[in-house]
């Protein structure tokens, strides 16, 4: 995950920026990948709902 301080200034100042704390599943087994995938899916669902409000 990227730290907010590592982003360009215009992104750091954006009120639309959302940083998700998601673990890199590289060293995980299949079940770990599925868990991360499902977590991302849920976060995207919430994001889309908030966008179309």
PDB file of N, CA and C in Angstrom:
ATOM      1  N   UNK A   1       0.840  -1.174   0.000  1.00  0.00           N
ATOM      2  CA  UNK A   1       0.000   0.000   0.000  1.00  0.00           C
ATOM      3  C   UNK A   1       0.879   1.228   0.000  1.00  0.00           C
ATOM      4  N   UNK A   2       0.431   2.221  -0.692  1.00  0.00           N
ATOM      5  CA  UNK A   2       1.172   3.476  -0.767  1.00  0.00           C
ATOM      6  C   UNK A   2       0.772   4.379   0.407  1.00  0.00           C
ATOM      7  N   UNK A   3       1.740   5.070   0.937  1.00  0.00           N
ATOM      8  CA  UNK A   3       1.454   6.030   2.000  1.00  0.00           C
ATOM      9  C   UNK A   3       0.979   7.337   1.370  1.00  0.00           C
ATOM     10  N   UNK A   4       0.095   8.014   2.048  1.00  0.00           N
ATOM     11  CA  UNK A   4      -0.448   9.263   1.518  1.00  0.00           C
ATOM     12  C   UNK A   4       0.668  10.258   1.210  1.00  0.00           C
ATOM     13  N   UNK A   5       1.701  10.268   2.027  1.00  0.00           N
ATOM     14  CA  UNK A   5       2.811  11.198   1.822  1.00  0.00           C
ATOM     15  C   UNK A   5       3.610  10.903   0.557  1.00  0.00           C
ATOM     16  N   UNK A   6       3.488   9.691   0.022  1.00  0.00           N
ATOM     17  CA  UNK A   6       4.212   9.316  -1.189  1.00  0.00           C
ATOM     18  C   UNK A   6       3.460   9.690  -2.459  1.00  0.00           C
ATOM     19  N   UNK A   7       2.243  10.155  -2.326  1.00  0.00           N
ATOM     20  CA  UNK A   7       1.440  10.544  -3.479  1.00  0.00           C
ATOM     21  C   UNK A   7       1.767  11.969  -3.911  1.00  0.00           C
ATOM     22  N   UNK A   8       1.503  12.308  -5.166  1.00  0.00           N
ATOM     23  CA  UNK A   8       1.685  13.692  -5.608  1.00  0.00           C
ATOM     24  C   UNK A   8       0.816  14.638  -4.775  1.00  0.00           C
ATOM     25  N   UNK A   9       1.259  15.869  -4.631  1.00  0.00           N
ATOM     26  CA  UNK A   9       0.586  16.852  -3.804  1.00  0.00           C
ATOM     27  C   UNK A   9      -0.877  17.044  -4.127  1.00  0.00           C
ATOM     28  N   UNK A  10      -1.223  17.061  -5.425  1.00  0.00           N
ATOM     29  CA  UNK A  10      -2.617  17.288  -5.802  1.00  0.00           C
ATOM     30  C   UNK A  10      -3.530  16.164  -5.318  1.00  0.00           C
ATOM     31  N   UNK A  11      -2.995  14.954  -5.220  1.00  0.00           N
ATOM     32  CA  UNK A  11      -3.798  13.845  -4.685  1.00  0.00           C
ATOM     33  C   UNK A  11      -3.891  13.912  -3.168  1.00  0.00           C
ATOM     34  N   UNK A  12      -2.792  14.297  -2.520  1.00  0.00           N
ATOM     35  CA  UNK A  12      -2.799  14.411  -1.067  1.00  0.00           C
ATOM     36  C   UNK A  12      -3.848  15.415  -0.600  1.00  0.00           C
ATOM     37  N   UNK A  13      -4.058  16.456  -1.395  1.00  0.00           N
ATOM     38  CA  UNK A  13      -4.997  17.520  -1.025  1.00  0.00           C
ATOM     39  C   UNK A  13      -6.442  17.208  -1.429  1.00  0.00           C
ATOM     40  N   UNK A  14      -6.642  16.172  -2.214  1.00  0.00           N
ATOM     41  CA  UNK A  14      -7.972  15.853  -2.721  1.00  0.00           C
ATOM     42  C   UNK A  14      -8.892  15.328  -1.623  1.00  0.00           C
ATOM     43  N   UNK A  15     -10.101  15.861  -1.596  1.00  0.00           N
ATOM     44  CA  UNK A  15     -11.092  15.350  -0.644  1.00  0.00           C
ATOM     45  C   UNK A  15     -11.775  14.091  -1.172  1.00  0.00           C
ATOM     46  N   UNK A  16     -11.427  13.688  -2.388  1.00  0.00           N
ATOM     47  CA  UNK A  16     -11.997  12.478  -2.978  1.00  0.00           C
ATOM     48  C   UNK A  16     -11.098  11.260  -2.801  1.00  0.00           C
ATOM     49  N   UNK A  17      -9.913  11.476  -2.261  1.00  0.00           N
ATOM     50  CA  UNK A  17      -8.956  10.389  -2.100  1.00  0.00           C
ATOM     51  C   UNK A  17      -9.424   9.414  -1.028  1.00  0.00           C
ATOM     52  N   UNK A  18      -9.388   8.137  -1.381  1.00  0.00           N
ATOM     53  CA  UNK A  18      -9.712   7.067  -0.434  1.00  0.00           C
ATOM     54  C   UNK A  18      -8.559   6.068  -0.477  1.00  0.00           C
ATOM     55  N   UNK A  19      -7.953   5.844   0.672  1.00  0.00           N
ATOM     56  CA  UNK A  19      -6.886   4.854   0.766  1.00  0.00           C
ATOM     57  C   UNK A  19      -7.432   3.632   1.498  1.00  0.00           C
ATOM     58  N   UNK A  20      -7.285   2.490   0.886  1.00  0.00           N
ATOM     59  CA  UNK A  20      -7.734   1.249   1.488  1.00  0.00           C
ATOM     60  C   UNK A  20      -6.530   0.507   2.047  1.00  0.00           C
ATOM     61  N   UNK A  21      -6.662  -0.018   3.238  1.00  0.00           N
ATOM     62  CA  UNK A  21      -5.612  -0.812   3.855  1.00  0.00           C
ATOM     63  C   UNK A  21      -5.821  -2.269   3.466  1.00  0.00           C
ATOM     64  N   UNK A  22      -5.151  -2.666   2.379  1.00  0.00           N
ATOM     65  CA  UNK A  22      -5.308  -4.022   1.847  1.00  0.00           C
ATOM     66  C   UNK A  22      -3.947  -4.702   1.824  1.00  0.00           C
ATOM     67  N   UNK A  23      -3.885  -5.861   2.420  1.00  0.00           N
ATOM     68  CA  UNK A  23      -2.648  -6.631   2.488  1.00  0.00           C
ATOM     69  C   UNK A  23      -2.347  -7.239   1.119  1.00  0.00           C
ATOM     70  N   UNK A  24      -1.078  -7.239   0.731  1.00  0.00           N
ATOM     71  CA  UNK A  24      -0.658  -7.878  -0.518  1.00  0.00           C
ATOM     72  C   UNK A  24      -0.741  -9.394  -0.330  1.00  0.00           C
ATOM     73  N   UNK A  25      -1.547 -10.080  -1.133  1.00  0.00           N
ATOM     74  CA  UNK A  25      -1.743 -11.519  -0.942  1.00  0.00           C
ATOM     75  C   UNK A  25      -0.664 -12.382  -1.594  1.00  0.00           C
ATOM     76  N   UNK A  26       0.432 -11.773  -2.019  1.00  0.00           N
ATOM     77  CA  UNK A  26       1.462 -12.509  -2.757  1.00  0.00           C
ATOM     78  C   UNK A  26       1.913 -13.788  -2.055  1.00  0.00           C
ATOM     79  N   UNK A  27       2.120 -13.735  -0.754  1.00  0.00           N
ATOM     80  CA  UNK A  27       2.634 -14.912  -0.055  1.00  0.00           C
ATOM     81  C   UNK A  27       1.529 -15.762   0.583  1.00  0.00           C
ATOM     82  N   UNK A  28       0.281 -15.454   0.262  1.00  0.00           N
ATOM     83  CA  UNK A  28      -0.847 -16.188   0.842  1.00  0.00           C
ATOM     84  C   UNK A  28      -1.226 -17.383  -0.016  1.00  0.00           C
ATOM     85  N   UNK A  29      -1.927 -18.309   0.594  1.00  0.00           N
ATOM     86  CA  UNK A  29      -2.459 -19.438  -0.157  1.00  0.00           C
ATOM     87  C   UNK A  29      -3.746 -19.005  -0.870  1.00  0.00           C
ATOM     88  N   UNK A  30      -4.379 -19.958  -1.518  1.00  0.00           N
ATOM     89  CA  UNK A  30      -5.587 -19.652  -2.290  1.00  0.00           C
ATOM     90  C   UNK A  30      -6.661 -18.997  -1.433  1.00  0.00           C
ATOM     91  N   UNK A  31      -6.886 -19.523  -0.236  1.00  0.00           N
ATOM     92  CA  UNK A  31      -7.923 -18.970   0.641  1.00  0.00           C
ATOM     93  C   UNK A  31      -7.610 -17.522   1.015  1.00  0.00           C
ATOM     94  N   UNK A  32      -6.339 -17.208   1.194  1.00  0.00           N
ATOM     95  CA  UNK A  32      -5.940 -15.834   1.481  1.00  0.00           C
ATOM     96  C   UNK A  32      -6.256 -14.913   0.314  1.00  0.00           C
ATOM     97  N   UNK A  33      -6.004 -15.385  -0.906  1.00  0.00           N
ATOM     98  CA  UNK A  33      -6.320 -14.601  -2.109  1.00  0.00           C
ATOM     99  C   UNK A  33      -7.828 -14.355  -2.204  1.00  0.00           C
ATOM    100  N   UNK A  34      -8.594 -15.376  -1.924  1.00  0.00           N
ATOM    101  CA  UNK A  34     -10.055 -15.251  -1.980  1.00  0.00           C
ATOM    102  C   UNK A  34     -10.535 -14.237  -0.946  1.00  0.00           C
ATOM    103  N   UNK A  35      -9.968 -14.271   0.240  1.00  0.00           N
ATOM    104  CA  UNK A  35     -10.348 -13.332   1.294  1.00  0.00           C
ATOM    105  C   UNK A  35     -10.059 -11.881   0.870  1.00  0.00           C
ATOM    106  N   UNK A  36      -8.881 -11.651   0.305  1.00  0.00           N
ATOM    107  CA  UNK A  36      -8.516 -10.305  -0.159  1.00  0.00           C
ATOM    108  C   UNK A  36      -9.417  -9.890  -1.320  1.00  0.00           C
ATOM    109  N   UNK A  37      -9.671 -10.801  -2.242  1.00  0.00           N
ATOM    110  CA  UNK A  37     -10.550 -10.500  -3.373  1.00  0.00           C
ATOM    111  C   UNK A  37     -11.935 -10.090  -2.896  1.00  0.00           C
ATOM    112  N   UNK A  38     -12.465 -10.830  -1.936  1.00  0.00           N
ATOM    113  CA  UNK A  38     -13.797 -10.533  -1.411  1.00  0.00           C
ATOM    114  C   UNK A  38     -13.824  -9.191  -0.682  1.00  0.00           C
ATOM    115  N   UNK A  39     -12.739  -8.878   0.024  1.00  0.00           N
ATOM    116  CA  UNK A  39     -12.654  -7.596   0.721  1.00  0.00           C
ATOM    117  C   UNK A  39     -12.653  -6.441  -0.292  1.00  0.00           C
ATOM    118  N   UNK A  40     -11.886  -6.594  -1.367  1.00  0.00           N
ATOM    119  CA  UNK A  40     -11.848  -5.554  -2.408  1.00  0.00           C
ATOM    120  C   UNK A  40     -13.212  -5.419  -3.056  1.00  0.00           C
ATOM    121  N   UNK A  41     -13.868  -6.533  -3.332  1.00  0.00           N
ATOM    122  CA  UNK A  41     -15.193  -6.508  -3.946  1.00  0.00           C
ATOM    123  C   UNK A  41     -16.176  -5.708  -3.099  1.00  0.00           C
ATOM    124  N   UNK A  42     -16.162  -5.942  -1.795  1.00  0.00           N
ATOM    125  CA  UNK A  42     -17.068  -5.220  -0.892  1.00  0.00           C
ATOM    126  C   UNK A  42     -16.755  -3.730  -0.865  1.00  0.00           C
ATOM    127  N   UNK A  43     -15.469  -3.393  -0.853  1.00  0.00           N
ATOM    128  CA  UNK A  43     -15.077  -1.984  -0.839  1.00  0.00           C
ATOM    129  C   UNK A  43     -15.507  -1.281  -2.129  1.00  0.00           C
ATOM    130  N   UNK A  44     -15.388  -1.971  -3.240  1.00  0.00           N
ATOM    131  CA  UNK A  44     -15.803  -1.399  -4.530  1.00  0.00           C
ATOM    132  C   UNK A  44     -17.320  -1.214  -4.562  1.00  0.00           C
ATOM    133  N   UNK A  45     -18.057  -2.171  -4.013  1.00  0.00           N
ATOM    134  CA  UNK A  45     -19.519  -2.029  -3.951  1.00  0.00           C
ATOM    135  C   UNK A  45     -19.914  -0.779  -3.179  1.00  0.00           C
ATOM    136  N   UNK A  46     -19.284  -0.543  -2.046  1.00  0.00           N
ATOM    137  CA  UNK A  46     -19.576   0.639  -1.233  1.00  0.00           C
ATOM    138  C   UNK A  46     -19.190   1.901  -1.997  1.00  0.00           C
ATOM    139  N   UNK A  47     -18.044   1.874  -2.651  1.00  0.00           N
ATOM    140  CA  UNK A  47     -17.590   3.027  -3.425  1.00  0.00           C
ATOM    141  C   UNK A  47     -18.588   3.385  -4.523  1.00  0.00           C
ATOM    142  N   UNK A  48     -19.033   2.388  -5.252  1.00  0.00           N
ATOM    143  CA  UNK A  48     -19.993   2.623  -6.338  1.00  0.00           C
ATOM    144  C   UNK A  48     -21.305   3.183  -5.784  1.00  0.00           C
ATOM    145  N   UNK A  49     -21.786   2.632  -4.680  1.00  0.00           N
ATOM    146  CA  UNK A  49     -23.019   3.134  -4.078  1.00  0.00           C
ATOM    147  C   UNK A  49     -22.868   4.594  -3.698  1.00  0.00           C
ATOM    148  N   UNK A  50     -21.714   4.971  -3.166  1.00  0.00           N
ATOM    149  CA  UNK A  50     -21.483   6.353  -2.763  1.00  0.00           C
ATOM    150  C   UNK A  50     -21.360   7.282  -3.972  1.00  0.00           C
ATOM    151  N   UNK A  51     -20.843   6.777  -5.064  1.00  0.00           N
ATOM    152  CA  UNK A  51     -20.674   7.607  -6.270  1.00  0.00           C
ATOM    153  C   UNK A  51     -22.039   7.919  -6.897  1.00  0.00           C
ATOM    154  N   UNK A  52     -22.928   6.935  -6.934  1.00  0.00           N
ATOM    155  CA  UNK A  52     -24.203   7.151  -7.622  1.00  0.00           C
ATOM    156  C   UNK A  52     -25.272   7.798  -6.749  1.00  0.00           C
ATOM    157  N   UNK A  53     -24.931   8.164  -5.533  1.00  0.00           N
ATOM    158  CA  UNK A  53     -25.884   8.865  -4.662  1.00  0.00           C
ATOM    159  C   UNK A  53     -26.165  10.247  -5.208  1.00  0.00           C
TER     160      UNK A  53
END
